[in-house]
Amino acid sequence: MNAKKLIAAVAVFAAASSAFASEWVDFSDFKSTKTRAEVVAELKQAQAQGQGQLAGNSEFVEFSNTAVASGKSRDEVRQEAVAAARANTAAAGE
């Protein structure tokens, strides 16, 4: 009885894995024809023209080098973090 169940399970897994194997696309030999800067320029141009607005598109993330205005120095932030950590530790009873 157990051998029949094992054979059935192996057959089901074999059928399922072959279905997924057909979806594989190999991109290992892909050769780019454009630089990253060219692609970014095309994207910005398309967005300026109102094209390329995909719902929920999070594939492209541009990190700007602009500084964030905080108003606090690095040492002030560190002191606040240390004080918060100590307060949390004291509250936890450690």
Foldseek 3Di string as FASTA:
>chain_A
DVVVVVVVVVVVVVVVVVVVVVPDDDCPPPDDPDDPVVVVVVVVVQVVVVPDDDPPDPPDDDDDPDDDDDVDDPVVVVVVVVVVVVVVCVVVPD
